[in-house]
Protein backbone atom coordinates (compact mmCIF):
# COMPACT_ATOMS: atom_id res chain seq x y z
CA UNK A 1 37.10 -2.10 26.52
CA UNK A 2 34.92 -4.50 28.46
CA UNK A 3 32.51 -6.97 26.97
CA UNK A 4 29.50 -4.97 28.18
CA UNK A 5 29.62 -2.31 25.43
CA UNK A 6 29.92 -5.01 22.77
CA UNK A 7 27.05 -6.97 24.22
CA UNK A 8 24.95 -3.83 24.54
CA UNK A 9 25.84 -2.79 21.01
CA UNK A 10 24.86 -6.22 19.72
CA UNK A 11 21.63 -6.23 21.69
CA UNK A 12 20.76 -2.75 20.53
CA UNK A 13 21.56 -3.66 16.93
CA UNK A 14 19.27 -6.70 17.20
CA UNK A 15 16.54 -4.47 18.64
CA UNK A 16 17.06 -1.88 15.89
CA UNK A 17 16.79 -4.59 13.26
CA UNK A 18 13.62 -5.95 14.88
CA UNK A 19 12.09 -2.47 14.91
CA UNK A 20 13.11 -1.88 11.28
CA UNK A 21 11.57 -5.24 10.33
CA UNK A 22 8.27 -4.21 11.92
CA UNK A 23 8.21 -0.66 10.57
CA UNK A 24 9.62 -1.36 7.09
CA UNK A 25 9.60 2.36 6.37
CA UNK A 26 13.27 2.45 5.39
CA UNK A 27 14.20 4.83 8.18
CA UNK A 28 16.90 4.14 10.71
CA UNK A 29 15.31 3.50 14.13
CA UNK A 30 17.23 6.28 15.88
CA UNK A 31 14.36 6.77 18.32
CA UNK A 32 15.01 3.37 19.87
CA UNK A 33 16.42 3.61 23.38
CA UNK A 34 20.19 3.20 23.46
CA UNK A 35 20.81 3.52 19.72
CA UNK A 36 22.41 6.94 19.90
CA UNK A 37 24.45 5.82 22.92
CA UNK A 38 26.24 3.02 21.06
CA UNK A 39 26.16 4.23 17.44
CA UNK A 40 27.87 7.58 17.04
CA UNK A 41 25.80 8.59 14.01
CA UNK A 42 23.45 7.39 11.29
CA UNK A 43 26.30 6.07 9.17
CA UNK A 44 27.54 3.84 12.00
CA UNK A 45 24.11 2.26 12.46
CA UNK A 46 23.62 1.95 8.70
CA UNK A 47 27.05 0.30 8.43
CA UNK A 48 26.18 -2.21 11.14
CA UNK A 49 22.89 -3.04 9.43
CA UNK A 50 24.66 -3.34 6.09
CA UNK A 51 27.20 -5.71 7.59
CA UNK A 52 24.39 -7.81 9.09
CA UNK A 53 22.68 -7.99 5.66
CA UNK A 54 25.90 -8.90 3.87
CA UNK A 55 26.85 -11.55 6.43
CA UNK A 56 23.41 -13.14 6.35
CA UNK A 57 23.28 -13.03 2.55
CA UNK A 58 26.71 -14.60 2.04
CA UNK A 59 25.95 -17.36 4.54
CA UNK A 60 22.61 -18.04 2.89
CA UNK A 61 24.25 -18.18 -0.55
CA UNK A 62 26.72 -20.79 0.70
CA UNK A 63 23.89 -22.93 2.12
CA UNK A 64 21.88 -22.65 -1.10
CA UNK A 65 24.92 -23.60 -3.21
CA UNK A 66 25.48 -26.67 -1.03
CA UNK A 67 21.91 -27.76 -1.80
CA UNK A 68 22.01 -27.05 -5.54
CA UNK A 69 25.65 -26.86 -6.64
CA UNK A 70 24.80 -27.28 -10.31
CA UNK A 71 22.60 -24.18 -10.55
CA UNK A 72 24.59 -21.35 -9.03
CA UNK A 73 22.43 -18.53 -10.34
CA UNK A 74 19.28 -20.11 -8.91
CA UNK A 75 21.06 -20.56 -5.58
CA UNK A 76 22.13 -16.90 -5.49
CA UNK A 77 18.65 -15.64 -6.39
CA UNK A 78 17.00 -17.93 -3.85
CA UNK A 79 19.45 -16.79 -1.18
CA UNK A 80 18.81 -13.12 -1.89
CA UNK A 81 15.04 -13.62 -1.69
CA UNK A 82 15.32 -15.67 1.52
CA UNK A 83 17.56 -13.07 3.12
CA UNK A 84 15.16 -10.28 2.14
CA UNK A 85 12.36 -12.33 3.73
CA UNK A 86 14.41 -12.68 6.93
CA UNK A 87 15.49 -9.03 7.08
CA UNK A 88 12.82 -6.99 5.28
CA UNK A 89 13.35 -3.92 7.43
CA UNK A 90 17.10 -3.97 6.94
CA UNK A 91 16.57 -4.31 3.19
CA UNK A 92 14.19 -1.33 3.30
CA UNK A 93 16.71 0.75 5.27
CA UNK A 94 19.52 -0.10 2.84
CA UNK A 95 17.36 0.64 -0.18
CA UNK A 96 16.13 3.93 1.26
CA UNK A 97 19.61 5.15 2.13
CA UNK A 98 20.99 3.97 -1.19
CA UNK A 99 18.43 6.18 -2.94
CA UNK A 100 18.38 9.00 -0.37
CA UNK A 101 21.74 9.24 1.40
CA UNK A 102 21.97 11.88 4.10
CA UNK A 103 25.29 13.24 2.82
CA UNK A 104 28.16 12.56 0.43
CA UNK A 105 29.93 10.28 2.91
CA UNK A 106 26.85 8.07 3.18
CA UNK A 107 26.38 8.12 -0.59
CA UNK A 108 29.96 6.95 -1.08
CA UNK A 109 29.63 4.25 1.57
CA UNK A 110 26.38 2.95 0.09
CA UNK A 111 27.80 2.96 -3.43
CA UNK A 112 30.81 0.93 -2.28
CA UNK A 113 28.68 -1.51 -0.29
CA UNK A 114 26.31 -1.98 -3.22
CA UNK A 115 29.16 -2.55 -5.68
CA UNK A 116 30.73 -5.12 -3.37
CA UNK A 117 27.42 -6.90 -2.88
CA UNK A 118 26.86 -6.98 -6.63
CA UNK A 119 30.36 -8.35 -7.22
CA UNK A 120 29.77 -11.04 -4.59
CA UNK A 121 26.48 -12.05 -6.23
CA UNK A 122 28.18 -12.35 -9.63
CA UNK A 123 31.14 -14.31 -8.29
CA UNK A 124 28.98 -16.70 -6.24
CA UNK A 125 26.74 -17.25 -9.28
CA UNK A 126 29.82 -18.23 -11.26
CA UNK A 127 29.33 -15.42 -13.74
CA UNK A 128 32.38 -13.27 -12.98
CA UNK A 129 35.67 -13.32 -11.16
CA UNK A 130 36.44 -11.10 -8.20
CA UNK A 131 38.75 -8.97 -10.36
CA UNK A 132 36.36 -8.72 -13.28
CA UNK A 133 35.27 -5.12 -13.82
CA UNK A 134 31.89 -6.30 -15.11
CA UNK A 135 31.15 -8.20 -11.88
CA UNK A 136 29.22 -5.28 -10.43
CA UNK A 137 27.10 -5.01 -13.59
CA UNK A 138 26.37 -8.74 -13.60
CA UNK A 139 25.57 -8.62 -9.88
CA UNK A 140 23.18 -5.71 -10.38
CA UNK A 141 21.35 -7.80 -12.98
CA UNK A 142 21.15 -10.68 -10.50
CA UNK A 143 19.81 -8.37 -7.79
CA UNK A 144 17.13 -7.07 -10.16
CA UNK A 145 16.14 -10.66 -10.99
CA UNK A 146 15.95 -11.52 -7.29
CA UNK A 147 13.83 -8.45 -6.57
CA UNK A 148 11.42 -9.50 -9.31
CA UNK A 149 10.97 -12.82 -7.50
CA UNK A 150 10.67 -11.29 -4.04
CA UNK A 151 7.19 -10.72 -2.69
CA UNK A 152 7.56 -8.97 0.67
CA UNK A 153 5.26 -10.33 3.32
CA UNK A 154 2.67 -7.84 4.49
CA UNK A 155 3.52 -5.89 7.60
CA UNK A 156 1.72 -7.02 10.68
CA UNK A 157 0.17 -4.20 12.64
CA UNK A 158 -0.72 -5.22 16.14
CA UNK A 159 -4.00 -3.87 17.36
CA UNK A 160 -3.32 -1.57 20.26
CA UNK A 161 -4.58 -3.15 23.41
CA UNK A 162 -5.69 -0.74 26.09
CA UNK A 163 -3.56 -0.81 29.21
CA UNK A 164 -4.95 -1.94 32.53
CA UNK A 165 -4.92 1.64 33.74
CA UNK A 166 -6.92 2.92 30.77
CA UNK A 167 -9.44 0.08 31.18
CA UNK A 168 -9.85 0.96 34.87
CA UNK A 169 -10.36 4.61 33.98
CA UNK A 170 -13.05 3.60 31.49
CA UNK A 171 -14.84 1.52 34.11
CA UNK A 172 -14.65 4.31 36.70
CA UNK A 173 -15.89 6.88 34.17
CA UNK A 174 -18.91 4.74 33.33
């Protein structure tokens, strides 16, 4: 496999994330050019977005812990909120497909991803070990606390600007 498909996949994923961040409707941007060429189905795109969220969140948690190593829970909550601010569309897509999976395979995948994220939150907050069965429960509590702190920024809707052609048509019609 050449590097071109990977680069295109990465570029298309970045574009899909940017579109999701603008739309914030929780739907996968399957209408974006190239998405269906590089992601074989909805689950593949959802998985890539989930991985992007998880990677960004874990990196942000590590940075927050470096800044406030004595208050791990605060660091985890701040990291979750900051990551949601950075990737609001991805968060909306993950939440939507967690609540409304397209099929059983997606439901299973989202349940596993959510449980792993919750366990990571609990472990990084110093409130559970990786093998602790209650880690997912503790992490879910932490996620709820972070969501209570998160105030999503309003979506920015750009005013549609008439194209040059439509402006010329208006002038000619007048």
